[in-house]
Amino acid sequence: MFDIGFPELLLVCILVLLVMGPERLPEVIHTFTTWRRRLSHRIAGVKQQIQDEIGLDQIRAQLHEESVLEEIKAVKIELNDVAKDASSGLDELTKPAQEAADPAHWPGMPPPNDKQ
């Protein structure tokens, strides 16, 4: 966030130690951490209040449901394609068996002429 590295942090600590002095440093650190904790709690409270007001949980749930529905639709389309492929393959496999079972059609014979 602030892009502060270890050397910069060490320099700030040394400057604070020189300015505040070793006897006031623990009190300053305690005050700083107390204010930081209070600010963090207030920010978290405001964030939660905003999320409650705009209904963020409901929006997330609705988006999740929509994504699940999209996945179900995609799987349904894929299963329909597989079923079509399987039925066409089954038709091709049963077609020769049906022709062989027809007593009017023997191998080498021309197909029967339905026009009479």
PDB file of N, CA and C in Angstrom:
ATOM      1  N   MET A   1       0.820  -1.182   0.000  1.00  0.00           N
ATOM      2  CA  MET A   1       0.000   0.000   0.000  1.00  0.00           C
ATOM      3  C   MET A   1       0.873   1.258   0.000  1.00  0.00           C
ATOM      4  N   PHE A   2       1.760   1.403   0.966  1.00  0.00           N
ATOM      5  CA  PHE A   2       2.648   2.556   1.012  1.00  0.00           C
ATOM      6  C   PHE A   2       4.022   2.217   0.451  1.00  0.00           C
ATOM      7  N   ASP A   3       4.252   0.957   0.164  1.00  0.00           N
ATOM      8  CA  ASP A   3       5.520   0.487  -0.378  1.00  0.00           C
ATOM      9  C   ASP A   3       6.694   0.877   0.525  1.00  0.00           C
ATOM     10  N   ILE A   4       6.548   0.541   1.812  1.00  0.00           N
ATOM     11  CA  ILE A   4       7.607   0.815   2.777  1.00  0.00           C
ATOM     12  C   ILE A   4       8.372  -0.473   3.008  1.00  0.00           C
ATOM     13  N   GLY A   5       9.671  -0.425   2.792  1.00  0.00           N
ATOM     14  CA  GLY A   5      10.518  -1.593   2.993  1.00  0.00           C
ATOM     15  C   GLY A   5      11.148  -1.577   4.370  1.00  0.00           C
ATOM     16  N   PHE A   6      11.952  -2.577   4.626  1.00  0.00           N
ATOM     17  CA  PHE A   6      12.600  -2.694   5.935  1.00  0.00           C
ATOM     18  C   PHE A   6      13.552  -1.529   6.230  1.00  0.00           C
ATOM     19  N   PRO A   7      14.382  -1.091   5.280  1.00  0.00           N
ATOM     20  CA  PRO A   7      15.289   0.032   5.599  1.00  0.00           C
ATOM     21  C   PRO A   7      14.525   1.310   5.972  1.00  0.00           C
ATOM     22  N   GLU A   8      13.421   1.603   5.269  1.00  0.00           N
ATOM     23  CA  GLU A   8      12.644   2.799   5.589  1.00  0.00           C
ATOM     24  C   GLU A   8      12.010   2.679   6.976  1.00  0.00           C
ATOM     25  N   LEU A   9      11.491   1.486   7.282  1.00  0.00           N
ATOM     26  CA  LEU A   9      10.866   1.255   8.580  1.00  0.00           C
ATOM     27  C   LEU A   9      11.900   1.386   9.705  1.00  0.00           C
ATOM     28  N   LEU A  10      13.086   0.889   9.494  1.00  0.00           N
ATOM     29  CA  LEU A  10      14.156   0.997  10.481  1.00  0.00           C
ATOM     30  C   LEU A  10      14.539   2.460  10.705  1.00  0.00           C
ATOM     31  N   LEU A  11      14.598   3.236   9.633  1.00  0.00           N
ATOM     32  CA  LEU A  11      14.922   4.658   9.737  1.00  0.00           C
ATOM     33  C   LEU A  11      13.846   5.407  10.520  1.00  0.00           C
ATOM     34  N   VAL A  12      12.583   5.104  10.268  1.00  0.00           N
ATOM     35  CA  VAL A  12      11.488   5.747  10.999  1.00  0.00           C
ATOM     36  C   VAL A  12      11.571   5.390  12.483  1.00  0.00           C
ATOM     37  N   CYS A  13      11.840   4.131  12.791  1.00  0.00           N
ATOM     38  CA  CYS A  13      11.959   3.713  14.196  1.00  0.00           C
ATOM     39  C   CYS A  13      13.096   4.435  14.905  1.00  0.00           C
ATOM     40  N   ILE A  14      14.198   4.594  14.245  1.00  0.00           N
ATOM     41  CA  ILE A  14      15.344   5.301  14.847  1.00  0.00           C
ATOM     42  C   ILE A  14      14.998   6.765  15.077  1.00  0.00           C
ATOM     43  N   LEU A  15      14.327   7.404  14.096  1.00  0.00           N
ATOM     44  CA  LEU A  15      13.937   8.805  14.254  1.00  0.00           C
ATOM     45  C   LEU A  15      12.947   8.982  15.404  1.00  0.00           C
ATOM     46  N   VAL A  16      11.971   8.075  15.518  1.00  0.00           N
ATOM     47  CA  VAL A  16      11.000   8.154  16.614  1.00  0.00           C
ATOM     48  C   VAL A  16      11.710   7.971  17.951  1.00  0.00           C
ATOM     49  N   LEU A  17      12.644   7.061  18.022  1.00  0.00           N
ATOM     50  CA  LEU A  17      13.391   6.840  19.258  1.00  0.00           C
ATOM     51  C   LEU A  17      14.185   8.090  19.644  1.00  0.00           C
ATOM     52  N   LEU A  18      14.794   8.761  18.658  1.00  0.00           N
ATOM     53  CA  LEU A  18      15.564   9.970  18.953  1.00  0.00           C
ATOM     54  C   LEU A  18      14.661  11.123  19.368  1.00  0.00           C
ATOM     55  N   VAL A  19      13.511  11.275  18.696  1.00  0.00           N
ATOM     56  CA  VAL A  19      12.625  12.398  18.994  1.00  0.00           C
ATOM     57  C   VAL A  19      11.886  12.179  20.321  1.00  0.00           C
ATOM     58  N   MET A  20      11.317  11.029  20.523  1.00  0.00           N
ATOM     59  CA  MET A  20      10.508  10.768  21.713  1.00  0.00           C
ATOM     60  C   MET A  20      11.355  10.430  22.937  1.00  0.00           C
ATOM     61  N   GLY A  21      12.457   9.824  22.716  1.00  0.00           N
ATOM     62  CA  GLY A  21      13.280   9.416  23.852  1.00  0.00           C
ATOM     63  C   GLY A  21      12.865   8.040  24.344  1.00  0.00           C
ATOM     64  N   PRO A  22      13.773   7.318  24.962  1.00  0.00           N
ATOM     65  CA  PRO A  22      13.477   5.958  25.389  1.00  0.00           C
ATOM     66  C   PRO A  22      12.452   5.870  26.518  1.00  0.00           C
ATOM     67  N   GLU A  23      12.297   6.939  27.333  1.00  0.00           N
ATOM     68  CA  GLU A  23      11.352   6.855  28.440  1.00  0.00           C
ATOM     69  C   GLU A  23       9.906   7.051  27.992  1.00  0.00           C
ATOM     70  N   ARG A  24       9.654   7.809  26.920  1.00  0.00           N
ATOM     71  CA  ARG A  24       8.280   8.034  26.437  1.00  0.00           C
ATOM     72  C   ARG A  24       7.883   7.066  25.320  1.00  0.00           C
ATOM     73  N   LEU A  25       8.801   6.326  24.787  1.00  0.00           N
ATOM     74  CA  LEU A  25       8.525   5.458  23.642  1.00  0.00           C
ATOM     75  C   LEU A  25       7.464   4.387  23.939  1.00  0.00           C
ATOM     76  N   PRO A  26       7.507   3.671  25.063  1.00  0.00           N
ATOM     77  CA  PRO A  26       6.460   2.669  25.315  1.00  0.00           C
ATOM     78  C   PRO A  26       5.056   3.283  25.377  1.00  0.00           C
ATOM     79  N   GLU A  27       4.940   4.496  25.983  1.00  0.00           N
ATOM     80  CA  GLU A  27       3.644   5.163  26.067  1.00  0.00           C
ATOM     81  C   GLU A  27       3.137   5.561  24.679  1.00  0.00           C
ATOM     82  N   VAL A  28       4.011   6.035  23.835  1.00  0.00           N
ATOM     83  CA  VAL A  28       3.637   6.436  22.471  1.00  0.00           C
ATOM     84  C   VAL A  28       3.219   5.212  21.661  1.00  0.00           C
ATOM     85  N   ILE A  29       3.939   4.123  21.795  1.00  0.00           N
ATOM     86  CA  ILE A  29       3.594   2.900  21.064  1.00  0.00           C
ATOM     87  C   ILE A  29       2.235   2.388  21.522  1.00  0.00           C
ATOM     88  N   HIS A  30       1.984   2.413  22.824  1.00  0.00           N
ATOM     89  CA  HIS A  30       0.698   1.952  23.357  1.00  0.00           C
ATOM     90  C   HIS A  30      -0.450   2.839  22.834  1.00  0.00           C
ATOM     91  N   THR A  31      -0.260   4.142  22.847  1.00  0.00           N
ATOM     92  CA  THR A  31      -1.285   5.061  22.348  1.00  0.00           C
ATOM     93  C   THR A  31      -1.530   4.839  20.850  1.00  0.00           C
ATOM     94  N   PHE A  32      -0.459   4.673  20.119  1.00  0.00           N
ATOM     95  CA  PHE A  32      -0.593   4.451  18.678  1.00  0.00           C
ATOM     96  C   PHE A  32      -1.362   3.160  18.382  1.00  0.00           C
ATOM     97  N   THR A  33      -1.033   2.074  19.058  1.00  0.00           N
ATOM     98  CA  THR A  33      -1.728   0.810  18.800  1.00  0.00           C
ATOM     99  C   THR A  33      -3.191   0.876  19.232  1.00  0.00           C
ATOM    100  N   THR A  34      -3.476   1.621  20.321  1.00  0.00           N
ATOM    101  CA  THR A  34      -4.868   1.770  20.759  1.00  0.00           C
ATOM    102  C   THR A  34      -5.685   2.508  19.701  1.00  0.00           C
ATOM    103  N   TRP A  35      -5.165   3.596  19.192  1.00  0.00           N
ATOM    104  CA  TRP A  35      -5.879   4.357  18.155  1.00  0.00           C
ATOM    105  C   TRP A  35      -6.022   3.564  16.869  1.00  0.00           C
ATOM    106  N   ARG A  36      -4.988   2.811  16.544  1.00  0.00           N
ATOM    107  CA  ARG A  36      -5.053   1.988  15.324  1.00  0.00           C
ATOM    108  C   ARG A  36      -6.137   0.914  15.464  1.00  0.00           C
ATOM    109  N   ARG A  37      -6.221   0.283  16.630  1.00  0.00           N
ATOM    110  CA  ARG A  37      -7.224  -0.744  16.887  1.00  0.00           C
ATOM    111  C   ARG A  37      -8.641  -0.147  16.824  1.00  0.00           C
ATOM    112  N   ARG A  38      -8.823   1.012  17.449  1.00  0.00           N
ATOM    113  CA  ARG A  38     -10.135   1.669  17.402  1.00  0.00           C
ATOM    114  C   ARG A  38     -10.540   2.016  15.970  1.00  0.00           C
ATOM    115  N   LEU A  39      -9.601   2.548  15.225  1.00  0.00           N
ATOM    116  CA  LEU A  39      -9.885   2.909  13.831  1.00  0.00           C
ATOM    117  C   LEU A  39     -10.222   1.668  13.010  1.00  0.00           C
ATOM    118  N   SER A  40      -9.515   0.593  13.237  1.00  0.00           N
ATOM    119  CA  SER A  40      -9.768  -0.652  12.523  1.00  0.00           C
ATOM    120  C   SER A  40     -11.166  -1.183  12.832  1.00  0.00           C
ATOM    121  N   HIS A  41     -11.564  -1.139  14.095  1.00  0.00           N
ATOM    122  CA  HIS A  41     -12.903  -1.603  14.480  1.00  0.00           C
ATOM    123  C   HIS A  41     -13.994  -0.732  13.868  1.00  0.00           C
ATOM    124  N   ARG A  42     -13.773   0.565  13.847  1.00  0.00           N
ATOM    125  CA  ARG A  42     -14.777   1.459  13.246  1.00  0.00           C
ATOM    126  C   ARG A  42     -14.892   1.237  11.745  1.00  0.00           C
ATOM    127  N   ILE A  43     -13.779   1.059  11.087  1.00  0.00           N
ATOM    128  CA  ILE A  43     -13.812   0.806   9.642  1.00  0.00           C
ATOM    129  C   ILE A  43     -14.537  -0.503   9.357  1.00  0.00           C
ATOM    130  N   ALA A  44     -14.269  -1.530  10.152  1.00  0.00           N
ATOM    131  CA  ALA A  44     -14.948  -2.815   9.969  1.00  0.00           C
ATOM    132  C   ALA A  44     -16.450  -2.673  10.210  1.00  0.00           C
ATOM    133  N   GLY A  45     -16.845  -1.879  11.216  1.00  0.00           N
ATOM    134  CA  GLY A  45     -18.256  -1.659  11.494  1.00  0.00           C
ATOM    135  C   GLY A  45     -18.961  -0.933  10.360  1.00  0.00           C
ATOM    136  N   VAL A  46     -18.321   0.096   9.833  1.00  0.00           N
ATOM    137  CA  VAL A  46     -18.903   0.840   8.713  1.00  0.00           C
ATOM    138  C   VAL A  46     -19.001  -0.057   7.483  1.00  0.00           C
ATOM    139  N   LYS A  47     -17.991  -0.842   7.239  1.00  0.00           N
ATOM    140  CA  LYS A  47     -18.004  -1.757   6.094  1.00  0.00           C
ATOM    141  C   LYS A  47     -19.149  -2.757   6.219  1.00  0.00           C
ATOM    142  N   GLN A  48     -19.344  -3.317   7.404  1.00  0.00           N
ATOM    143  CA  GLN A  48     -20.426  -4.272   7.623  1.00  0.00           C
ATOM    144  C   GLN A  48     -21.785  -3.596   7.468  1.00  0.00           C
ATOM    145  N   GLN A  49     -21.905  -2.368   7.953  1.00  0.00           N
ATOM    146  CA  GLN A  49     -23.160  -1.633   7.833  1.00  0.00           C
ATOM    147  C   GLN A  49     -23.495  -1.365   6.366  1.00  0.00           C
ATOM    148  N   ILE A  50     -22.507  -0.991   5.586  1.00  0.00           N
ATOM    149  CA  ILE A  50     -22.728  -0.748   4.157  1.00  0.00           C
ATOM    150  C   ILE A  50     -23.129  -2.039   3.462  1.00  0.00           C
ATOM    151  N   GLN A  51     -22.460  -3.133   3.786  1.00  0.00           N
ATOM    152  CA  GLN A  51     -22.807  -4.418   3.183  1.00  0.00           C
ATOM    153  C   GLN A  51     -24.227  -4.833   3.535  1.00  0.00           C
ATOM    154  N   ASP A  52     -24.639  -4.580   4.775  1.00  0.00           N
ATOM    155  CA  ASP A  52     -26.008  -4.914   5.177  1.00  0.00           C
ATOM    156  C   ASP A  52     -27.032  -4.052   4.451  1.00  0.00           C
ATOM    157  N   GLU A  53     -26.720  -2.769   4.274  1.00  0.00           N
ATOM    158  CA  GLU A  53     -27.664  -1.864   3.631  1.00  0.00           C
ATOM    159  C   GLU A  53     -27.864  -2.180   2.154  1.00  0.00           C
ATOM    160  N   ILE A  54     -26.795  -2.519   1.459  1.00  0.00           N
ATOM    161  CA  ILE A  54     -26.951  -2.794   0.024  1.00  0.00           C
ATOM    162  C   ILE A  54     -27.304  -4.244  -0.244  1.00  0.00           C
ATOM    163  N   GLY A  55     -27.336  -5.061   0.786  1.00  0.00           N
ATOM    164  CA  GLY A  55     -27.704  -6.459   0.614  1.00  0.00           C
ATOM    165  C   GLY A  55     -26.658  -7.242  -0.162  1.00  0.00           C
ATOM    166  N   LEU A  56     -25.413  -7.057   0.191  1.00  0.00           N
ATOM    167  CA  LEU A  56     -24.319  -7.705  -0.523  1.00  0.00           C
ATOM    168  C   LEU A  56     -24.407  -9.222  -0.446  1.00  0.00           C
ATOM    169  N   ASP A  57     -24.857  -9.750   0.682  1.00  0.00           N
ATOM    170  CA  ASP A  57     -24.988 -11.204   0.810  1.00  0.00           C
ATOM    171  C   ASP A  57     -26.019 -11.750  -0.167  1.00  0.00           C
ATOM    172  N   GLN A  58     -27.124 -11.011  -0.329  1.00  0.00           N
ATOM    173  CA  GLN A  58     -28.155 -11.444  -1.269  1.00  0.00           C
ATOM    174  C   GLN A  58     -27.648 -11.384  -2.700  1.00  0.00           C
ATOM    175  N   ILE A  59     -26.887 -10.355  -3.012  1.00  0.00           N
ATOM    176  CA  ILE A  59     -26.337 -10.224  -4.365  1.00  0.00           C
ATOM    177  C   ILE A  59     -25.365 -11.368  -4.641  1.00  0.00           C
ATOM    178  N   ARG A  60     -24.521 -11.684  -3.669  1.00  0.00           N
ATOM    179  CA  ARG A  60     -23.578 -12.792  -3.843  1.00  0.00           C
ATOM    180  C   ARG A  60     -24.302 -14.114  -4.029  1.00  0.00           C
ATOM    181  N   ALA A  61     -25.358 -14.330  -3.248  1.00  0.00           N
ATOM    182  CA  ALA A  61     -26.122 -15.578  -3.362  1.00  0.00           C
ATOM    183  C   ALA A  61     -26.795 -15.668  -4.727  1.00  0.00           C
ATOM    184  N   GLN A  62     -27.341 -14.550  -5.195  1.00  0.00           N
ATOM    185  CA  GLN A  62     -27.999 -14.545  -6.505  1.00  0.00           C
ATOM    186  C   GLN A  62     -26.991 -14.804  -7.619  1.00  0.00           C
ATOM    187  N   LEU A  63     -25.821 -14.193  -7.543  1.00  0.00           N
ATOM    188  CA  LEU A  63     -24.790 -14.436  -8.554  1.00  0.00           C
ATOM    189  C   LEU A  63     -24.340 -15.889  -8.536  1.00  0.00           C
ATOM    190  N   HIS A  64     -24.231 -16.463  -7.350  1.00  0.00           N
ATOM    191  CA  HIS A  64     -23.839 -17.870  -7.244  1.00  0.00           C
ATOM    192  C   HIS A  64     -24.901 -18.764  -7.871  1.00  0.00           C
ATOM    193  N   GLU A  65     -26.184 -18.463  -7.591  1.00  0.00           N
ATOM    194  CA  GLU A  65     -27.268 -19.255  -8.171  1.00  0.00           C
ATOM    195  C   GLU A  65     -27.274 -19.152  -9.689  1.00  0.00           C
ATOM    196  N   GLU A  66     -27.035 -17.945 -10.214  1.00  0.00           N
ATOM    197  CA  GLU A  66     -27.014 -17.764 -11.664  1.00  0.00           C
ATOM    198  C   GLU A  66     -25.865 -18.537 -12.296  1.00  0.00           C
ATOM    199  N   SER A  67     -24.713 -18.548 -11.636  1.00  0.00           N
ATOM    200  CA  SER A  67     -23.585 -19.286 -12.197  1.00  0.00           C
ATOM    201  C   SER A  67     -23.855 -20.789 -12.168  1.00  0.00           C
ATOM    202  N   VAL A  68     -24.513 -21.264 -11.108  1.00  0.00           N
ATOM    203  CA  VAL A  68     -24.862 -22.683 -11.032  1.00  0.00           C
ATOM    204  C   VAL A  68     -25.856 -23.030 -12.134  1.00  0.00           C
ATOM    205  N   LEU A  69     -26.837 -22.156 -12.372  1.00  0.00           N
ATOM    206  CA  LEU A  69     -27.813 -22.405 -13.432  1.00  0.00           C
ATOM    207  C   LEU A  69     -27.145 -22.445 -14.805  1.00  0.00           C
ATOM    208  N   GLU A  70     -26.190 -21.571 -15.034  1.00  0.00           N
ATOM    209  CA  GLU A  70     -25.458 -21.579 -16.302  1.00  0.00           C
ATOM    210  C   GLU A  70     -24.694 -22.890 -16.471  1.00  0.00           C
ATOM    211  N   GLU A  71     -24.085 -23.381 -15.406  1.00  0.00           N
ATOM    212  CA  GLU A  71     -23.369 -24.653 -15.469  1.00  0.00           C
ATOM    213  C   GLU A  71     -24.329 -25.796 -15.766  1.00  0.00           C
ATOM    214  N   ILE A  72     -25.507 -25.764 -15.152  1.00  0.00           N
ATOM    215  CA  ILE A  72     -26.507 -26.808 -15.391  1.00  0.00           C
ATOM    216  C   ILE A  72     -26.957 -26.783 -16.844  1.00  0.00           C
ATOM    217  N   LYS A  73     -27.173 -25.586 -17.396  1.00  0.00           N
ATOM    218  CA  LYS A  73     -27.583 -25.478 -18.802  1.00  0.00           C
ATOM    219  C   LYS A  73     -26.502 -26.041 -19.725  1.00  0.00           C
ATOM    220  N   ALA A  74     -25.245 -25.730 -19.429  1.00  0.00           N
ATOM    221  CA  ALA A  74     -24.148 -26.229 -20.263  1.00  0.00           C
ATOM    222  C   ALA A  74     -24.074 -27.756 -20.203  1.00  0.00           C
ATOM    223  N   VAL A  75     -24.245 -28.321 -19.010  1.00  0.00           N
ATOM    224  CA  VAL A  75     -24.203 -29.780 -18.862  1.00  0.00           C
ATOM    225  C   VAL A  75     -25.392 -30.411 -19.584  1.00  0.00           C
ATOM    226  N   LYS A  76     -26.556 -29.777 -19.506  1.00  0.00           N
ATOM    227  CA  LYS A  76     -27.738 -30.298 -20.185  1.00  0.00           C
ATOM    228  C   LYS A  76     -27.528 -30.324 -21.694  1.00  0.00           C
ATOM    229  N   ILE A  77     -26.962 -29.264 -22.259  1.00  0.00           N
ATOM    230  CA  ILE A  77     -26.684 -29.223 -23.698  1.00  0.00           C
ATOM    231  C   ILE A  77     -25.697 -30.323 -24.069  1.00  0.00           C
ATOM    232  N   GLU A  78     -24.679 -30.496 -23.265  1.00  0.00           N
ATOM    233  CA  GLU A  78     -23.672 -31.527 -23.543  1.00  0.00           C
ATOM    234  C   GLU A  78     -24.289 -32.921 -23.468  1.00  0.00           C
ATOM    235  N   LEU A  79     -25.147 -33.154 -22.480  1.00  0.00           N
ATOM    236  CA  LEU A  79     -25.795 -34.457 -22.359  1.00  0.00           C
ATOM    237  C   LEU A  79     -26.744 -34.713 -23.522  1.00  0.00           C
ATOM    238  N   ASN A  80     -27.441 -33.683 -23.992  1.00  0.00           N
ATOM    239  CA  ASN A  80     -28.313 -33.844 -25.157  1.00  0.00           C
ATOM    240  C   ASN A  80     -27.509 -34.224 -26.398  1.00  0.00           C
ATOM    241  N   ASP A  81     -26.344 -33.593 -26.568  1.00  0.00           N
ATOM    242  CA  ASP A  81     -25.481 -33.935 -27.705  1.00  0.00           C
ATOM    243  C   ASP A  81     -25.009 -35.387 -27.612  1.00  0.00           C
ATOM    244  N   VAL A  82     -24.637 -35.806 -26.426  1.00  0.00           N
ATOM    245  CA  VAL A  82     -24.176 -37.186 -26.239  1.00  0.00           C
ATOM    246  C   VAL A  82     -25.321 -38.160 -26.515  1.00  0.00           C
ATOM    247  N   ALA A  83     -26.534 -37.810 -26.061  1.00  0.00           N
ATOM    248  CA  ALA A  83     -27.690 -38.679 -26.296  1.00  0.00           C
ATOM    249  C   ALA A  83     -28.003 -38.780 -27.784  1.00  0.00           C
ATOM    250  N   LYS A  84     -27.896 -37.665 -28.513  1.00  0.00           N
ATOM    251  CA  LYS A  84     -28.131 -37.706 -29.960  1.00  0.00           C
ATOM    252  C   LYS A  84     -27.092 -38.580 -30.651  1.00  0.00           C
ATOM    253  N   ASP A  85     -25.834 -38.424 -30.272  1.00  0.00           N
ATOM    254  CA  ASP A  85     -24.778 -39.250 -30.859  1.00  0.00           C
ATOM    255  C   ASP A  85     -25.010 -40.729 -30.552  1.00  0.00           C
ATOM    256  N   ALA A  86     -25.413 -41.028 -29.337  1.00  0.00           N
ATOM    257  CA  ALA A  86     -25.645 -42.417 -28.956  1.00  0.00           C
ATOM    258  C   ALA A  86     -26.834 -42.998 -29.712  1.00  0.00           C
ATOM    259  N   SER A  87     -27.892 -42.223 -29.882  1.00  0.00           N
ATOM    260  CA  SER A  87     -29.059 -42.760 -30.592  1.00  0.00           C
ATOM    261  C   SER A  87     -28.770 -42.950 -32.078  1.00  0.00           C
ATOM    262  N   SER A  88     -27.986 -42.038 -32.662  1.00  0.00           N
ATOM    263  CA  SER A  88     -27.647 -42.230 -34.078  1.00  0.00           C
ATOM    264  C   SER A  88     -26.727 -43.444 -34.242  1.00  0.00           C
ATOM    265  N   GLY A  89     -25.813 -43.639 -33.311  1.00  0.00           N
ATOM    266  CA  GLY A  89     -24.953 -44.816 -33.365  1.00  0.00           C
ATOM    267  C   GLY A  89     -25.752 -46.090 -33.163  1.00  0.00           C
ATOM    268  N   LEU A  90     -26.730 -46.052 -32.281  1.00  0.00           N
ATOM    269  CA  LEU A  90     -27.588 -47.209 -32.051  1.00  0.00           C
ATOM    270  C   LEU A  90     -28.436 -47.515 -33.288  1.00  0.00           C
ATOM    271  N   ASP A  91     -28.927 -46.464 -33.944  1.00  0.00           N
ATOM    272  CA  ASP A  91     -29.691 -46.666 -35.185  1.00  0.00           C
ATOM    273  C   ASP A  91     -28.842 -47.341 -36.249  1.00  0.00           C
ATOM    274  N   GLU A  92     -27.594 -46.920 -36.365  1.00  0.00           N
ATOM    275  CA  GLU A  92     -26.703 -47.520 -37.357  1.00  0.00           C
ATOM    276  C   GLU A  92     -26.421 -48.983 -37.024  1.00  0.00           C
ATOM    277  N   LEU A  93     -26.310 -49.309 -35.735  1.00  0.00           N
ATOM    278  CA  LEU A  93     -26.036 -50.687 -35.346  1.00  0.00           C
ATOM    279  C   LEU A  93     -27.251 -51.594 -35.553  1.00  0.00           C
ATOM    280  N   THR A  94     -28.441 -51.105 -35.311  1.00  0.00           N
ATOM    281  CA  THR A  94     -29.637 -51.936 -35.428  1.00  0.00           C
ATOM    282  C   THR A  94     -30.162 -52.016 -36.847  1.00  0.00           C
ATOM    283  N   LYS A  95     -29.762 -51.111 -37.723  1.00  0.00           N
ATOM    284  CA  LYS A  95     -30.247 -51.101 -39.102  1.00  0.00           C
ATOM    285  C   LYS A  95     -29.875 -52.397 -39.841  1.00  0.00           C
ATOM    286  N   PRO A  96     -28.618 -52.851 -39.805  1.00  0.00           N
ATOM    287  CA  PRO A  96     -28.304 -54.118 -40.495  1.00  0.00           C
ATOM    288  C   PRO A  96     -29.043 -55.311 -39.894  1.00  0.00           C
ATOM    289  N   ALA A  97     -29.276 -55.317 -38.601  1.00  0.00           N
ATOM    290  CA  ALA A  97     -29.994 -56.437 -37.976  1.00  0.00           C
ATOM    291  C   ALA A  97     -31.445 -56.455 -38.440  1.00  0.00           C
ATOM    292  N   GLN A  98     -32.037 -55.290 -38.621  1.00  0.00           N
ATOM    293  CA  GLN A  98     -33.411 -55.227 -39.101  1.00  0.00           C
ATOM    294  C   GLN A  98     -33.504 -55.715 -40.546  1.00  0.00           C
ATOM    295  N   GLU A  99     -32.533 -55.343 -41.379  1.00  0.00           N
ATOM    296  CA  GLU A  99     -32.532 -55.783 -42.777  1.00  0.00           C
ATOM    297  C   GLU A  99     -32.335 -57.289 -42.868  1.00  0.00           C
ATOM    298  N   ALA A 100     -31.495 -57.851 -41.998  1.00  0.00           N
ATOM    299  CA  ALA A 100     -31.245 -59.288 -42.027  1.00  0.00           C
ATOM    300  C   ALA A 100     -32.467 -60.056 -41.541  1.00  0.00           C
ATOM    301  N   ALA A 101     -33.253 -59.477 -40.685  1.00  0.00           N
ATOM    302  CA  ALA A 101     -34.434 -60.153 -40.162  1.00  0.00           C
ATOM    303  C   ALA A 101     -35.589 -60.124 -41.170  1.00  0.00           C
ATOM    304  N   ASP A 102     -35.537 -59.238 -42.156  1.00  0.00           N
ATOM    305  CA  ASP A 102     -36.597 -59.147 -43.163  1.00  0.00           C
ATOM    306  C   ASP A 102     -36.495 -60.343 -44.104  1.00  0.00           C
ATOM    307  N   PRO A 103     -37.497 -61.248 -44.161  1.00  0.00           N
ATOM    308  CA  PRO A 103     -37.393 -62.442 -45.000  1.00  0.00           C
ATOM    309  C   PRO A 103     -37.443 -62.106 -46.490  1.00  0.00           C
ATOM    310  N   ALA A 104     -37.964 -60.974 -46.859  1.00  0.00           N
ATOM    311  CA  ALA A 104     -38.038 -60.623 -48.283  1.00  0.00           C
ATOM    312  C   ALA A 104     -36.708 -60.106 -48.794  1.00  0.00           C
ATOM    313  N   HIS A 105     -35.805 -59.752 -47.892  1.00  0.00           N
ATOM    314  CA  HIS A 105     -34.519 -59.188 -48.307  1.00  0.00           C
ATOM    315  C   HIS A 105     -33.396 -60.124 -47.878  1.00  0.00           C
ATOM    316  N   TRP A 106     -32.799 -60.809 -48.832  1.00  0.00           N
ATOM    317  CA  TRP A 106     -31.669 -61.682 -48.581  1.00  0.00           C
ATOM    318  C   TRP A 106     -30.445 -61.096 -49.246  1.00  0.00           C
ATOM    319  N   PRO A 107     -29.270 -61.381 -48.723  1.00  0.00           N
ATOM    320  CA  PRO A 107     -28.065 -60.826 -49.339  1.00  0.00           C
ATOM    321  C   PRO A 107     -27.966 -61.236 -50.797  1.00  0.00           C
ATOM    322  N   GLY A 108     -27.631 -60.292 -51.607  1.00  0.00           N
ATOM    323  CA  GLY A 108     -27.488 -60.555 -53.037  1.00  0.00           C
ATOM    324  C   GLY A 108     -28.782 -60.367 -53.804  1.00  0.00           C
ATOM    325  N   MET A 109     -29.899 -60.243 -53.113  1.00  0.00           N
ATOM    326  CA  MET A 109     -31.182 -60.057 -53.789  1.00  0.00           C
ATOM    327  C   MET A 109     -31.491 -58.564 -53.858  1.00  0.00           C
ATOM    328  N   PRO A 110     -32.129 -58.136 -54.916  1.00  0.00           N
ATOM    329  CA  PRO A 110     -32.506 -56.730 -54.986  1.00  0.00           C
ATOM    330  C   PRO A 110     -33.609 -56.463 -53.975  1.00  0.00           C
ATOM    331  N   PRO A 111     -33.700 -55.197 -53.511  1.00  0.00           N
ATOM    332  CA  PRO A 111     -34.750 -54.884 -52.547  1.00  0.00           C
ATOM    333  C   PRO A 111     -36.120 -55.095 -53.160  1.00  0.00           C
ATOM    334  N   PRO A 112     -37.104 -55.437 -52.363  1.00  0.00           N
ATOM    335  CA  PRO A 112     -38.434 -55.705 -52.883  1.00  0.00           C
ATOM    336  C   PRO A 112     -39.041 -54.446 -53.510  1.00  0.00           C
ATOM    337  N   ASN A 113     -39.793 -54.654 -54.539  1.00  0.00           N
ATOM    338  CA  ASN A 113     -40.441 -53.561 -55.255  1.00  0.00           C
ATOM    339  C   ASN A 113     -41.840 -53.399 -54.673  1.00  0.00           C
ATOM    340  N   ASP A 114     -42.071 -52.289 -54.037  1.00  0.00           N
ATOM    341  CA  ASP A 114     -43.358 -52.076 -53.399  1.00  0.00           C
ATOM    342  C   ASP A 114     -44.437 -51.679 -54.394  1.00  0.00           C
ATOM    343  N   LYS A 115     -44.055 -51.278 -55.586  1.00  0.00           N
ATOM    344  CA  LYS A 115     -45.046 -50.885 -56.594  1.00  0.00           C
ATOM    345  C   LYS A 115     -45.569 -52.124 -57.287  1.00  0.00           C
ATOM    346  N   GLN A 116     -46.786 -52.471 -57.105  1.00  0.00           N
ATOM    347  CA  GLN A 116     -47.360 -53.626 -57.771  1.00  0.00           C
ATOM    348  C   GLN A 116     -48.658 -53.295 -58.405  1.00  0.00           C
TER     349      GLN A 116
END
